[in-house]
Amino acid sequence: MSEKRRGVVVDVDGTMLDTNYLHVVAWIRALRARGYDDITMAQVHHAIGMASAKLIEHLTGGEDEELGEEHSRQYEAFQDDVRALPGAADLLTKCAEADVALVIATSGRESDLDWMLPAIGVDRSMITGTATSGDVEKAKPAPDLMEAAMKEGDLDPAWTVALGDTVWDIEAAARAGIGCIAFRCGGIGGDELRDAGAIEVWDDPADLLAHLSESRLGELTKP
């Protein structure tokens, strides 16, 4: 093994926190408020995981900064409804106790981590580093966010995996040279996640933790 660290690059929305459908509703309300009435919830759901500007371009074909601001306003009303996904805190704690570096890679803002990490149930001291939308020019599925996270944690690609829940997470990880373990809890089916290139698919963090010995992540957490 090289001097670089074993690591896990961790997506938050839909992977550690049960937020994807809250984001869908917030985006639909924002889209309708801005006059985009022909975009469906299914279309929005499949775009979740992209940073706001990329998602807007993907759905509308153009730029609309006010749409992103309206989504943020709509989503604020749901923050009290946010819950951690089963096993999220326990899985991250297991990795930290095994001296596996945890680097958060989120398309959200750095300030969002102030409430996201407590919502997961982990302390910031457990986290080796973070990479957010403000750190990169191109959002997922571009590899920039994953690459920034790996640089932040000084991670060895051969001993690093990503945890995600969307095809965008999987594609970004692959383009950054690491495998992605995917969860179905974000609402994307297992076949779609596997077809996108996920190296493993589990129901949620609790399911992965229960089968850790069968997982690539289990190899990283061995002494």
C-alpha atoms as a PDB file:
ATOM      1  CA  MET A   1       0.000   0.000   0.000  1.00  0.00           C
ATOM      2  CA  SER A   2       1.256   3.514  -0.780  1.00  0.00           C
ATOM      3  CA  GLU A   3       1.683   6.282   1.771  1.00  0.00           C
ATOM      4  CA  LYS A   4      -1.646   7.719   0.706  1.00  0.00           C
ATOM      5  CA  ARG A   5      -4.663   6.845   2.846  1.00  0.00           C
ATOM      6  CA  ARG A   6      -7.446   4.321   2.565  1.00  0.00           C
ATOM      7  CA  GLY A   7     -10.609   6.296   2.109  1.00  0.00           C
ATOM      8  CA  VAL A   8     -14.317   6.559   1.475  1.00  0.00           C
ATOM      9  CA  VAL A   9     -15.752   9.418  -0.571  1.00  0.00           C
ATOM     10  CA  VAL A  10     -19.233   9.965   0.822  1.00  0.00           C
ATOM     11  CA  ASP A  11     -22.212  11.508  -0.956  1.00  0.00           C
ATOM     12  CA  VAL A  12     -24.816  12.909   1.457  1.00  0.00           C
ATOM     13  CA  ASP A  13     -28.215  13.540  -0.176  1.00  0.00           C
ATOM     14  CA  GLY A  14     -29.979  10.222  -0.767  1.00  0.00           C
ATOM     15  CA  THR A  15     -26.981   8.253   0.494  1.00  0.00           C
ATOM     16  CA  MET A  16     -26.698   9.289   4.151  1.00  0.00           C
ATOM     17  CA  LEU A  17     -29.807  11.478   4.394  1.00  0.00           C
ATOM     18  CA  ASP A  18     -33.323  10.651   3.158  1.00  0.00           C
ATOM     19  CA  THR A  19     -33.666  13.874   1.170  1.00  0.00           C
ATOM     20  CA  ASN A  20     -34.084  13.018  -2.495  1.00  0.00           C
ATOM     21  CA  TYR A  21     -37.856  13.167  -2.621  1.00  0.00           C
ATOM     22  CA  LEU A  22     -37.871  16.378  -0.585  1.00  0.00           C
ATOM     23  CA  HIS A  23     -35.579  17.867  -3.221  1.00  0.00           C
ATOM     24  CA  VAL A  24     -37.900  16.613  -5.971  1.00  0.00           C
ATOM     25  CA  VAL A  25     -40.877  18.433  -4.480  1.00  0.00           C
ATOM     26  CA  ALA A  26     -38.813  21.573  -3.862  1.00  0.00           C
ATOM     27  CA  TRP A  27     -37.597  21.563  -7.470  1.00  0.00           C
ATOM     28  CA  ILE A  28     -41.063  20.930  -8.891  1.00  0.00           C
ATOM     29  CA  ARG A  29     -42.480  23.838  -6.891  1.00  0.00           C
ATOM     30  CA  ALA A  30     -39.602  26.037  -8.029  1.00  0.00           C
ATOM     31  CA  LEU A  31     -39.993  24.985 -11.662  1.00  0.00           C
ATOM     32  CA  ARG A  32     -43.713  25.698 -11.646  1.00  0.00           C
ATOM     33  CA  ALA A  33     -43.148  29.049  -9.989  1.00  0.00           C
ATOM     34  CA  ARG A  34     -40.798  29.930 -12.845  1.00  0.00           C
ATOM     35  CA  GLY A  35     -43.212  28.721 -15.538  1.00  0.00           C
ATOM     36  CA  TYR A  36     -41.700  25.329 -16.364  1.00  0.00           C
ATOM     37  CA  ASP A  37     -44.943  23.361 -16.278  1.00  0.00           C
ATOM     38  CA  ASP A  38     -44.022  20.498 -18.632  1.00  0.00           C
ATOM     39  CA  ILE A  39     -41.280  18.929 -16.483  1.00  0.00           C
ATOM     40  CA  THR A  40     -42.347  15.895 -14.460  1.00  0.00           C
ATOM     41  CA  MET A  41     -41.338  14.688 -11.017  1.00  0.00           C
ATOM     42  CA  ALA A  42     -39.807  11.578 -12.597  1.00  0.00           C
ATOM     43  CA  GLN A  43     -37.540  13.766 -14.733  1.00  0.00           C
ATOM     44  CA  VAL A  44     -36.511  15.758 -11.686  1.00  0.00           C
ATOM     45  CA  HIS A  45     -35.876  12.635  -9.636  1.00  0.00           C
ATOM     46  CA  HIS A  46     -33.479  11.241 -12.225  1.00  0.00           C
ATOM     47  CA  ALA A  47     -31.556  14.525 -12.234  1.00  0.00           C
ATOM     48  CA  ILE A  48     -31.111  14.602  -8.455  1.00  0.00           C
ATOM     49  CA  GLY A  49     -27.429  14.286  -7.610  1.00  0.00           C
ATOM     50  CA  MET A  50     -26.312  17.008  -9.993  1.00  0.00           C
ATOM     51  CA  ALA A  51     -25.367  20.427  -8.676  1.00  0.00           C
ATOM     52  CA  SER A  52     -28.135  23.001  -9.089  1.00  0.00           C
ATOM     53  CA  ALA A  53     -26.767  24.747 -12.185  1.00  0.00           C
ATOM     54  CA  LYS A  54     -26.162  21.439 -13.976  1.00  0.00           C
ATOM     55  CA  LEU A  55     -29.593  20.115 -12.959  1.00  0.00           C
ATOM     56  CA  ILE A  56     -31.280  23.266 -14.262  1.00  0.00           C
ATOM     57  CA  GLU A  57     -29.447  23.027 -17.578  1.00  0.00           C
ATOM     58  CA  HIS A  58     -30.276  19.313 -17.813  1.00  0.00           C
ATOM     59  CA  LEU A  59     -33.991  19.879 -17.195  1.00  0.00           C
ATOM     60  CA  THR A  60     -34.621  23.217 -18.938  1.00  0.00           C
ATOM     61  CA  GLY A  61     -31.888  23.369 -21.546  1.00  0.00           C
ATOM     62  CA  GLY A  62     -30.592  26.688 -20.278  1.00  0.00           C
ATOM     63  CA  GLU A  63     -29.521  28.799 -17.333  1.00  0.00           C
ATOM     64  CA  ASP A  64     -31.869  30.222 -14.713  1.00  0.00           C
ATOM     65  CA  GLU A  65     -30.192  31.483 -11.555  1.00  0.00           C
ATOM     66  CA  GLU A  66     -33.501  32.531 -10.033  1.00  0.00           C
ATOM     67  CA  LEU A  67     -34.753  28.956 -10.375  1.00  0.00           C
ATOM     68  CA  GLY A  68     -31.897  27.742  -8.188  1.00  0.00           C
ATOM     69  CA  GLU A  69     -32.641  30.402  -5.610  1.00  0.00           C
ATOM     70  CA  GLU A  70     -36.324  29.467  -5.636  1.00  0.00           C
ATOM     71  CA  HIS A  71     -35.416  25.805  -5.048  1.00  0.00           C
ATOM     72  CA  SER A  72     -33.345  26.815  -2.016  1.00  0.00           C
ATOM     73  CA  ARG A  73     -36.287  28.779  -0.618  1.00  0.00           C
ATOM     74  CA  GLN A  74     -38.686  25.882  -1.195  1.00  0.00           C
ATOM     75  CA  TYR A  75     -36.296  23.325   0.318  1.00  0.00           C
ATOM     76  CA  GLU A  76     -35.788  25.297   3.536  1.00  0.00           C
ATOM     77  CA  ALA A  77     -39.350  24.437   4.530  1.00  0.00           C
ATOM     78  CA  PHE A  78     -38.474  20.724   4.476  1.00  0.00           C
ATOM     79  CA  GLN A  79     -35.295  20.750   6.552  1.00  0.00           C
ATOM     80  CA  ASP A  80     -37.116  19.749   9.735  1.00  0.00           C
ATOM     81  CA  ASP A  81     -38.348  16.656   7.850  1.00  0.00           C
ATOM     82  CA  VAL A  82     -34.845  15.444   7.006  1.00  0.00           C
ATOM     83  CA  ARG A  83     -33.862  12.142   8.616  1.00  0.00           C
ATOM     84  CA  ALA A  84     -30.744  10.015   8.428  1.00  0.00           C
ATOM     85  CA  LEU A  85     -31.046   6.840   6.423  1.00  0.00           C
ATOM     86  CA  PRO A  86     -30.866   3.570   8.405  1.00  0.00           C
ATOM     87  CA  GLY A  87     -27.342   2.790   9.550  1.00  0.00           C
ATOM     88  CA  ALA A  88     -25.777   5.989   8.194  1.00  0.00           C
ATOM     89  CA  ALA A  89     -24.041   7.097  11.393  1.00  0.00           C
ATOM     90  CA  ASP A  90     -23.052   3.546  12.328  1.00  0.00           C
ATOM     91  CA  LEU A  91     -21.451   2.896   8.935  1.00  0.00           C
ATOM     92  CA  LEU A  92     -19.405   6.105   8.999  1.00  0.00           C
ATOM     93  CA  THR A  93     -18.389   5.457  12.611  1.00  0.00           C
ATOM     94  CA  LYS A  94     -17.211   1.961  11.651  1.00  0.00           C
ATOM     95  CA  CYS A  95     -15.020   3.429   8.919  1.00  0.00           C
ATOM     96  CA  ALA A  96     -13.586   6.145  11.168  1.00  0.00           C
ATOM     97  CA  GLU A  97     -12.779   3.634  13.915  1.00  0.00           C
ATOM     98  CA  ALA A  98     -10.907   1.534  11.323  1.00  0.00           C
ATOM     99  CA  ASP A  99      -8.798   4.608  10.428  1.00  0.00           C
ATOM    100  CA  VAL A 100     -10.398   4.894   6.996  1.00  0.00           C
ATOM    101  CA  ALA A 101     -10.478   8.527   5.911  1.00  0.00           C
ATOM    102  CA  LEU A 102     -13.988   9.902   5.399  1.00  0.00           C
ATOM    103  CA  VAL A 103     -14.270  12.691   2.837  1.00  0.00           C
ATOM    104  CA  ILE A 104     -17.659  14.234   2.138  1.00  0.00           C
ATOM    105  CA  ALA A 105     -18.337  14.984  -1.528  1.00  0.00           C
ATOM    106  CA  THR A 106     -21.589  16.869  -1.959  1.00  0.00           C
ATOM    107  CA  SER A 107     -23.076  18.984  -4.720  1.00  0.00           C
ATOM    108  CA  GLY A 108     -24.443  21.189  -1.954  1.00  0.00           C
ATOM    109  CA  ARG A 109     -22.794  24.156  -0.306  1.00  0.00           C
ATOM    110  CA  GLU A 110     -20.159  24.047   2.422  1.00  0.00           C
ATOM    111  CA  SER A 111     -22.598  25.779   4.780  1.00  0.00           C
ATOM    112  CA  ASP A 112     -25.088  22.925   4.306  1.00  0.00           C
ATOM    113  CA  LEU A 113     -22.737  20.617   6.207  1.00  0.00           C
ATOM    114  CA  ASP A 114     -23.428  22.599   9.372  1.00  0.00           C
ATOM    115  CA  TRP A 115     -26.846  20.966   9.555  1.00  0.00           C
ATOM    116  CA  MET A 116     -26.291  17.884   7.381  1.00  0.00           C
ATOM    117  CA  LEU A 117     -23.615  16.252   9.552  1.00  0.00           C
ATOM    118  CA  PRO A 118     -25.661  16.611  12.786  1.00  0.00           C
ATOM    119  CA  ALA A 119     -28.679  15.263  10.876  1.00  0.00           C
ATOM    120  CA  ILE A 120     -26.655  12.171   9.945  1.00  0.00           C
ATOM    121  CA  GLY A 121     -25.580  11.851  13.577  1.00  0.00           C
ATOM    122  CA  VAL A 122     -21.828  12.284  13.158  1.00  0.00           C
ATOM    123  CA  ASP A 123     -19.409  14.839  14.502  1.00  0.00           C
ATOM    124  CA  ARG A 124     -17.306  16.919  12.132  1.00  0.00           C
ATOM    125  CA  SER A 125     -14.206  15.650  13.950  1.00  0.00           C
ATOM    126  CA  MET A 126     -14.850  12.227  12.338  1.00  0.00           C
ATOM    127  CA  ILE A 127     -14.593  13.750   8.868  1.00  0.00           C
ATOM    128  CA  THR A 128     -11.165  13.988   7.255  1.00  0.00           C
ATOM    129  CA  GLY A 129     -12.226  16.579   4.707  1.00  0.00           C
ATOM    130  CA  THR A 130     -14.958  17.905   2.456  1.00  0.00           C
ATOM    131  CA  ALA A 131     -15.447  18.786  -1.191  1.00  0.00           C
ATOM    132  CA  THR A 132     -18.513  20.820  -2.150  1.00  0.00           C
ATOM    133  CA  SER A 133     -19.915  22.575  -5.205  1.00  0.00           C
ATOM    134  CA  GLY A 134     -17.883  25.672  -4.359  1.00  0.00           C
ATOM    135  CA  ASP A 135     -14.630  23.732  -4.800  1.00  0.00           C
ATOM    136  CA  VAL A 136     -15.121  22.722  -8.442  1.00  0.00           C
ATOM    137  CA  GLU A 137     -16.068  24.212 -11.789  1.00  0.00           C
ATOM    138  CA  LYS A 138     -17.908  21.180 -13.142  1.00  0.00           C
ATOM    139  CA  ALA A 139     -20.524  19.226 -11.204  1.00  0.00           C
ATOM    140  CA  LYS A 140     -21.302  15.512 -11.302  1.00  0.00           C
ATOM    141  CA  PRO A 141     -21.234  13.513 -13.548  1.00  0.00           C
ATOM    142  CA  ALA A 142     -17.916  15.252 -14.209  1.00  0.00           C
ATOM    143  CA  PRO A 143     -15.186  13.736 -12.008  1.00  0.00           C
ATOM    144  CA  ASP A 144     -14.108  17.074 -10.507  1.00  0.00           C
ATOM    145  CA  LEU A 145     -15.899  16.682  -7.162  1.00  0.00           C
ATOM    146  CA  MET A 146     -14.602  13.155  -6.619  1.00  0.00           C
ATOM    147  CA  GLU A 147     -11.088  14.215  -7.609  1.00  0.00           C
ATOM    148  CA  ALA A 148     -11.247  17.184  -5.231  1.00  0.00           C
ATOM    149  CA  ALA A 149     -12.359  14.877  -2.422  1.00  0.00           C
ATOM    150  CA  MET A 150      -9.521  12.446  -3.086  1.00  0.00           C
ATOM    151  CA  LYS A 151      -6.994  15.270  -3.127  1.00  0.00           C
ATOM    152  CA  GLU A 152      -8.453  16.728   0.070  1.00  0.00           C
ATOM    153  CA  GLY A 153      -8.087  13.404   1.889  1.00  0.00           C
ATOM    154  CA  ASP A 154      -4.800  12.408   0.218  1.00  0.00           C
ATOM    155  CA  LEU A 155      -6.526   9.169  -0.762  1.00  0.00           C
ATOM    156  CA  ASP A 156      -5.049   6.225  -2.616  1.00  0.00           C
ATOM    157  CA  PRO A 157      -7.368   5.436  -5.569  1.00  0.00           C
ATOM    158  CA  ALA A 158      -6.552   1.726  -5.258  1.00  0.00           C
ATOM    159  CA  TRP A 159      -7.799   1.798  -1.660  1.00  0.00           C
ATOM    160  CA  THR A 160     -10.736   4.168  -1.991  1.00  0.00           C
ATOM    161  CA  VAL A 161     -14.419   3.684  -2.781  1.00  0.00           C
ATOM    162  CA  ALA A 162     -17.274   6.119  -3.180  1.00  0.00           C
ATOM    163  CA  LEU A 163     -20.697   5.755  -1.586  1.00  0.00           C
ATOM    164  CA  GLY A 164     -23.570   7.116  -3.664  1.00  0.00           C
ATOM    165  CA  ASP A 165     -27.157   6.627  -4.725  1.00  0.00           C
ATOM    166  CA  THR A 166     -27.435   7.995  -8.271  1.00  0.00           C
ATOM    167  CA  VAL A 167     -26.056   7.189 -11.695  1.00  0.00           C
ATOM    168  CA  TRP A 168     -24.291  10.573 -11.533  1.00  0.00           C
ATOM    169  CA  ASP A 169     -22.348   9.480  -8.451  1.00  0.00           C
ATOM    170  CA  ILE A 170     -21.333   6.262 -10.173  1.00  0.00           C
ATOM    171  CA  GLU A 171     -20.246   7.967 -13.389  1.00  0.00           C
ATOM    172  CA  ALA A 172     -18.297  10.656 -11.547  1.00  0.00           C
ATOM    173  CA  ALA A 173     -16.503   8.060  -9.415  1.00  0.00           C
ATOM    174  CA  ALA A 174     -15.606   5.932 -12.436  1.00  0.00           C
ATOM    175  CA  ARG A 175     -14.222   8.942 -14.277  1.00  0.00           C
ATOM    176  CA  ALA A 176     -12.153   9.755 -11.192  1.00  0.00           C
ATOM    177  CA  GLY A 177     -10.724   6.235 -11.175  1.00  0.00           C
ATOM    178  CA  ILE A 178     -12.561   4.745  -8.187  1.00  0.00           C
ATOM    179  CA  GLY A 179     -15.437   2.301  -7.765  1.00  0.00           C
ATOM    180  CA  CYS A 180     -18.808   3.338  -6.385  1.00  0.00           C
ATOM    181  CA  ILE A 181     -20.893   1.300  -3.938  1.00  0.00           C
ATOM    182  CA  ALA A 182     -24.493   2.338  -4.567  1.00  0.00           C
ATOM    183  CA  PHE A 183     -27.624   2.363  -2.410  1.00  0.00           C
ATOM    184  CA  ARG A 184     -31.216   1.925  -3.571  1.00  0.00           C
ATOM    185  CA  CYS A 185     -32.515   4.208  -0.805  1.00  0.00           C
ATOM    186  CA  GLY A 186     -32.254   7.246  -3.089  1.00  0.00           C
ATOM    187  CA  GLY A 187     -35.009   5.797  -5.239  1.00  0.00           C
ATOM    188  CA  ILE A 188     -33.001   4.452  -8.195  1.00  0.00           C
ATOM    189  CA  GLY A 189     -33.421   0.749  -8.924  1.00  0.00           C
ATOM    190  CA  GLY A 190     -30.659  -1.778  -8.530  1.00  0.00           C
ATOM    191  CA  ASP A 191     -30.552  -2.729 -12.219  1.00  0.00           C
ATOM    192  CA  GLU A 192     -30.133   0.896 -13.267  1.00  0.00           C
ATOM    193  CA  LEU A 193     -27.372   1.405 -10.712  1.00  0.00           C
ATOM    194  CA  ARG A 194     -25.555  -1.745 -11.846  1.00  0.00           C
ATOM    195  CA  ASP A 195     -25.937  -0.783 -15.509  1.00  0.00           C
ATOM    196  CA  ALA A 196     -24.353   2.570 -14.653  1.00  0.00           C
ATOM    197  CA  GLY A 197     -21.321   0.712 -13.291  1.00  0.00           C
ATOM    198  CA  ALA A 198     -21.856   0.366  -9.537  1.00  0.00           C
ATOM    199  CA  ILE A 199     -19.446  -2.200  -8.119  1.00  0.00           C
ATOM    200  CA  GLU A 200     -22.028  -3.202  -5.492  1.00  0.00           C
ATOM    201  CA  VAL A 201     -25.652  -2.306  -4.740  1.00  0.00           C
ATOM    202  CA  TRP A 202     -27.216  -2.377  -1.269  1.00  0.00           C
ATOM    203  CA  ASP A 203     -30.562  -1.205   0.111  1.00  0.00           C
ATOM    204  CA  ASP A 204     -29.087   1.425   2.424  1.00  0.00           C
ATOM    205  CA  PRO A 205     -26.136   1.996   4.784  1.00  0.00           C
ATOM    206  CA  ALA A 206     -27.567  -0.475   7.308  1.00  0.00           C
ATOM    207  CA  ASP A 207     -27.723  -3.197   4.653  1.00  0.00           C
ATOM    208  CA  LEU A 208     -24.100  -2.580   3.693  1.00  0.00           C
ATOM    209  CA  LEU A 209     -22.998  -2.589   7.332  1.00  0.00           C
ATOM    210  CA  ALA A 210     -24.774  -5.907   7.900  1.00  0.00           C
ATOM    211  CA  HIS A 211     -22.911  -7.439   4.949  1.00  0.00           C
ATOM    212  CA  LEU A 212     -19.608  -5.602   5.372  1.00  0.00           C
ATOM    213  CA  SER A 213     -17.560  -8.795   5.124  1.00  0.00           C
ATOM    214  CA  GLU A 214     -18.962  -9.334   1.607  1.00  0.00           C
ATOM    215  CA  SER A 215     -18.141  -5.821   0.459  1.00  0.00           C
ATOM    216  CA  ARG A 216     -15.150  -4.011  -0.970  1.00  0.00           C
ATOM    217  CA  LEU A 217     -15.609  -1.591   1.926  1.00  0.00           C
ATOM    218  CA  GLY A 218     -15.006  -4.479   4.310  1.00  0.00           C
ATOM    219  CA  GLU A 219     -11.533  -4.914   2.824  1.00  0.00           C
ATOM    220  CA  LEU A 220     -10.761  -1.263   3.552  1.00  0.00           C
ATOM    221  CA  THR A 221     -11.864  -1.505   7.174  1.00  0.00           C
ATOM    222  CA  LYS A 222      -9.733  -4.559   8.006  1.00  0.00           C
ATOM    223  CA  PRO A 223      -6.854  -3.829  10.408  1.00  0.00           C
END
